[in-house]
C-alpha atoms as a PDB file:
ATOM      1  CA  MET A   1       0.000   0.000   0.000  1.00  0.00           C
ATOM      2  CA  ASP A   2       1.244   3.424  -0.906  1.00  0.00           C
ATOM      3  CA  VAL A   3       0.588   5.772   2.028  1.00  0.00           C
ATOM      4  CA  ARG A   4       3.006   8.539   1.015  1.00  0.00           C
ATOM      5  CA  GLU A   5       0.214  11.118   0.757  1.00  0.00           C
ATOM      6  CA  ASN A   6      -0.911  10.582   4.364  1.00  0.00           C
ATOM      7  CA  GLY A   7       0.601  13.398   6.415  1.00  0.00           C
ATOM      8  CA  GLY A   8      -0.805  11.995   9.645  1.00  0.00           C
ATOM      9  CA  GLY A   9      -3.749  13.145  11.714  1.00  0.00           C
ATOM     10  CA  ASN A  10      -6.207  12.402   8.923  1.00  0.00           C
ATOM     11  CA  SER A  11      -8.301   9.244   9.079  1.00  0.00           C
ATOM     12  CA  ASP A  12      -9.699   9.530   5.543  1.00  0.00           C
ATOM     13  CA  ASN A  13      -6.930   7.489   3.883  1.00  0.00           C
ATOM     14  CA  GLY A  14      -7.335   4.718   6.448  1.00  0.00           C
ATOM     15  CA  TYR A  15     -11.112   4.733   6.012  1.00  0.00           C
ATOM     16  CA  LYS A  16     -10.695   4.448   2.228  1.00  0.00           C
ATOM     17  CA  ILE A  17      -8.504   1.379   2.683  1.00  0.00           C
ATOM     18  CA  LEU A  18     -10.881  -0.171   5.236  1.00  0.00           C
ATOM     19  CA  SER A  19     -13.863   0.430   2.940  1.00  0.00           C
ATOM     20  CA  MET A  20     -12.176  -1.777   0.312  1.00  0.00           C
ATOM     21  CA  LEU A  21     -11.630  -4.622   2.804  1.00  0.00           C
ATOM     22  CA  THR A  22     -15.219  -5.078   3.982  1.00  0.00           C
ATOM     23  CA  SER A  23     -18.611  -5.616   2.418  1.00  0.00           C
ATOM     24  CA  LYS A  24     -20.476  -4.253   5.455  1.00  0.00           C
ATOM     25  CA  PRO A  25     -20.863  -0.745   6.914  1.00  0.00           C
ATOM     26  CA  PHE A  26     -18.449   0.021   9.752  1.00  0.00           C
ATOM     27  CA  GLN A  27     -17.935   2.676  12.397  1.00  0.00           C
ATOM     28  CA  GLY A  28     -15.260   5.340  12.345  1.00  0.00           C
ATOM     29  CA  PHE A  29     -13.539   6.702  15.433  1.00  0.00           C
ATOM     30  CA  SER A  30     -15.251   8.008  18.521  1.00  0.00           C
ATOM     31  CA  ALA A  31     -13.762  10.305  21.129  1.00  0.00           C
ATOM     32  CA  LYS A  32     -14.411  11.654  24.592  1.00  0.00           C
ATOM     33  CA  THR A  33     -12.617  14.732  25.871  1.00  0.00           C
ATOM     34  CA  LEU A  34     -12.699  16.845  28.999  1.00  0.00           C
ATOM     35  CA  ASP A  35     -14.708  20.029  28.460  1.00  0.00           C
ATOM     36  CA  TYR A  36     -12.704  22.337  30.717  1.00  0.00           C
ATOM     37  CA  LYS A  37     -13.935  25.921  31.130  1.00  0.00           C
ATOM     38  CA  PRO A  38     -11.921  27.900  33.682  1.00  0.00           C
ATOM     39  CA  ALA A  39     -14.739  30.392  34.308  1.00  0.00           C
ATOM     40  CA  TYR A  40     -17.115  27.572  35.298  1.00  0.00           C
ATOM     41  CA  ARG A  41     -14.509  26.263  37.742  1.00  0.00           C
ATOM     42  CA  ALA A  42     -14.149  29.747  39.277  1.00  0.00           C
ATOM     43  CA  TRP A  43     -17.915  29.792  39.808  1.00  0.00           C
ATOM     44  CA  GLY A  44     -17.794  26.412  41.577  1.00  0.00           C
ATOM     45  CA  GLY A  45     -18.807  24.302  38.606  1.00  0.00           C
ATOM     46  CA  LYS A  46     -17.258  21.004  37.651  1.00  0.00           C
ATOM     47  CA  PRO A  47     -15.811  20.172  34.244  1.00  0.00           C
ATOM     48  CA  GLY A  48     -17.919  17.995  32.030  1.00  0.00           C
ATOM     49  CA  TRP A  49     -17.229  15.758  29.094  1.00  0.00           C
ATOM     50  CA  SER A  50     -17.754  16.228  25.373  1.00  0.00           C
ATOM     51  CA  SER A  51     -18.234  13.217  23.146  1.00  0.00           C
ATOM     52  CA  ILE A  52     -17.870  12.666  19.424  1.00  0.00           C
ATOM     53  CA  ALA A  53     -20.069   9.840  18.196  1.00  0.00           C
ATOM     54  CA  PRO A  54     -18.649   7.562  15.502  1.00  0.00           C
ATOM     55  CA  ASP A  55     -19.736   7.993  11.900  1.00  0.00           C
ATOM     56  CA  GLU A  56     -21.070   4.986  10.046  1.00  0.00           C
ATOM     57  CA  LEU A  57     -18.959   4.456   6.957  1.00  0.00           C
ATOM     58  CA  SER A  58     -19.949   2.557   3.837  1.00  0.00           C
ATOM     59  CA  PRO A  59     -18.029  -0.160   2.027  1.00  0.00           C
ATOM     60  CA  ASP A  60     -16.583   0.633  -1.404  1.00  0.00           C
ATOM     61  CA  ALA A  61     -18.347  -1.967  -3.545  1.00  0.00           C
ATOM     62  CA  ALA A  62     -16.604  -0.760  -6.720  1.00  0.00           C
ATOM     63  CA  HIS A  63     -13.144  -1.461  -5.251  1.00  0.00           C
ATOM     64  CA  TYR A  64     -13.908  -4.325  -2.847  1.00  0.00           C
ATOM     65  CA  PHE A  65     -10.912  -6.614  -2.342  1.00  0.00           C
ATOM     66  CA  LEU A  66     -11.759 -10.308  -2.160  1.00  0.00           C
ATOM     67  CA  SER A  67      -8.746 -12.463  -1.396  1.00  0.00           C
ATOM     68  CA  GLN A  68      -8.245 -15.714  -3.295  1.00  0.00           C
ATOM     69  CA  SER A  69      -8.497 -17.724  -0.069  1.00  0.00           C
ATOM     70  CA  SER A  70     -12.014 -16.343   0.495  1.00  0.00           C
ATOM     71  CA  CYS A  71     -13.344 -17.655  -2.820  1.00  0.00           C
END
């Protein structure tokens, strides 16, 4: 696989590869991060959490890779 164009920090190239290796929809990344707001802390509040739900990604039927051992 040629990954020279992937500068890092971008999941799109990985998702493109994964979409060619499956025939079913799959989930992308999810994340949870501390939602820190200093002003809220000064007022006695507690930090909360922010979440990023995963996207559902579709397989690439036009470029689906089927290995010979799977035939």
